[in-house]
């Protein structure tokens, strides 16, 4: 019995056994290392491929939005950081 016959081709989890004689030491090790296949892998793979294709499709070009149609982001308050003992967070410039 090869490992490929007991592993799910999608998730590499161990497929359910056909009977108690199928539970061998090899299957036990594979269950410990790979876990069980939860089923439905082909459907999940198809959904993932569809989502990937949708993301790869170019979006139609849209002109600029009218002013005021999108709220402006709130301004971020700049903190007065101290970098290397210098006020204002300005980095120290090394001149050689």
Protein backbone atom coordinates (compact mmCIF):
# COMPACT_ATOMS: atom_id res chain seq x y z
CA UNK A 1 0.00 0.00 0.00
CA UNK A 2 1.54 3.29 -1.08
CA UNK A 3 1.00 6.57 0.72
CA UNK A 4 -0.67 8.10 -2.34
CA UNK A 5 -3.60 5.67 -2.06
CA UNK A 6 -4.47 6.83 1.46
CA UNK A 7 -3.84 10.59 1.07
CA UNK A 8 -6.27 13.17 -0.26
CA UNK A 9 -4.76 14.63 -3.45
CA UNK A 10 -5.90 18.13 -2.45
CA UNK A 11 -5.17 18.56 1.27
CA UNK A 12 -2.79 15.60 1.78
CA UNK A 13 -4.88 14.47 4.76
CA UNK A 14 -5.54 10.76 5.36
CA UNK A 15 -8.71 9.50 3.70
CA UNK A 16 -11.17 7.32 5.67
CA UNK A 17 -10.30 3.61 5.71
CA UNK A 18 -12.44 1.00 4.01
CA UNK A 19 -12.25 -1.32 7.02
CA UNK A 20 -10.36 -2.12 10.19
CA UNK A 21 -7.73 -4.10 8.25
CA UNK A 22 -6.69 -0.87 6.50
CA UNK A 23 -5.42 0.64 9.79
CA UNK A 24 -1.72 -0.12 9.54
CA UNK A 25 1.35 1.39 11.16
CA UNK A 26 1.92 3.46 8.00
CA UNK A 27 -1.63 4.84 8.12
CA UNK A 28 -1.18 5.64 11.82
CA UNK A 29 2.02 7.59 11.16
CA UNK A 30 0.35 9.48 8.32
CA UNK A 31 -2.62 10.35 10.53
CA UNK A 32 -0.24 11.74 13.17
CA UNK A 33 1.81 13.76 10.66
CA UNK A 34 -0.87 14.82 8.15
CA UNK A 35 -4.16 14.54 10.02
CA UNK A 36 -7.43 13.41 8.51
CA UNK A 37 -9.00 14.80 5.33
CA UNK A 38 -12.06 16.74 6.42
CA UNK A 39 -13.79 16.15 3.07
CA UNK A 40 -15.08 18.60 0.49
CA UNK A 41 -11.57 19.44 -0.70
CA UNK A 42 -12.46 19.42 -4.40
CA UNK A 43 -15.25 21.97 -3.78
CA UNK A 44 -12.96 24.19 -1.68
CA UNK A 45 -10.26 24.01 -4.37
CA UNK A 46 -12.80 25.03 -7.05
CA UNK A 47 -14.00 27.97 -4.91
CA UNK A 48 -10.42 29.11 -4.29
CA UNK A 49 -9.61 28.91 -8.00
CA UNK A 50 -12.73 30.93 -8.83
CA UNK A 51 -11.81 33.61 -6.28
CA UNK A 52 -8.28 33.77 -7.66
CA UNK A 53 -9.61 34.21 -11.19
CA UNK A 54 -11.95 36.99 -10.05
CA UNK A 55 -9.09 38.80 -8.35
CA UNK A 56 -6.90 38.45 -11.46
CA UNK A 57 -9.51 39.96 -13.78
CA UNK A 58 -8.82 43.58 -14.61
CA UNK A 59 -11.29 45.99 -13.08
CA UNK A 60 -13.02 48.42 -15.44
CA UNK A 61 -11.47 51.85 -15.50
CA UNK A 62 -13.53 54.37 -13.59
CA UNK A 63 -13.12 58.10 -13.82
CA UNK A 64 -12.33 60.27 -10.83
CA UNK A 65 -14.96 60.39 -8.13
CA UNK A 66 -16.89 63.61 -7.69
CA UNK A 67 -15.63 65.83 -4.89
CA UNK A 68 -17.26 65.04 -1.58
CA UNK A 69 -18.41 61.55 -2.59
CA UNK A 70 -15.81 59.86 -0.40
CA UNK A 71 -15.09 61.10 3.11
CA UNK A 72 -11.57 62.33 3.66
CA UNK A 73 -9.52 60.28 6.11
CA UNK A 74 -9.08 61.86 9.50
CA UNK A 75 -5.74 63.60 9.87
CA UNK A 76 -3.21 61.69 11.92
CA UNK A 77 -1.78 63.68 14.76
CA UNK A 78 2.01 63.64 14.56
CA UNK A 79 3.57 62.73 17.83
CA UNK A 80 6.66 64.58 18.94
CA UNK A 81 8.95 61.56 18.96
CA UNK A 82 12.46 61.73 20.25
CA UNK A 83 14.95 59.82 18.12
CA UNK A 84 18.45 59.63 19.45
CA UNK A 85 17.86 62.54 21.82
CA UNK A 86 16.84 64.86 18.98
CA UNK A 87 13.47 66.56 19.27
CA UNK A 88 10.93 66.19 16.48
CA UNK A 89 11.98 62.66 15.65
CA UNK A 90 14.50 63.81 13.03
CA UNK A 91 17.09 61.16 12.23
CA UNK A 92 20.72 61.90 12.83
CA UNK A 93 22.63 62.44 9.60
CA UNK A 94 26.12 60.98 9.47
CA UNK A 95 28.63 62.90 7.34
CA UNK A 96 32.04 61.42 6.59
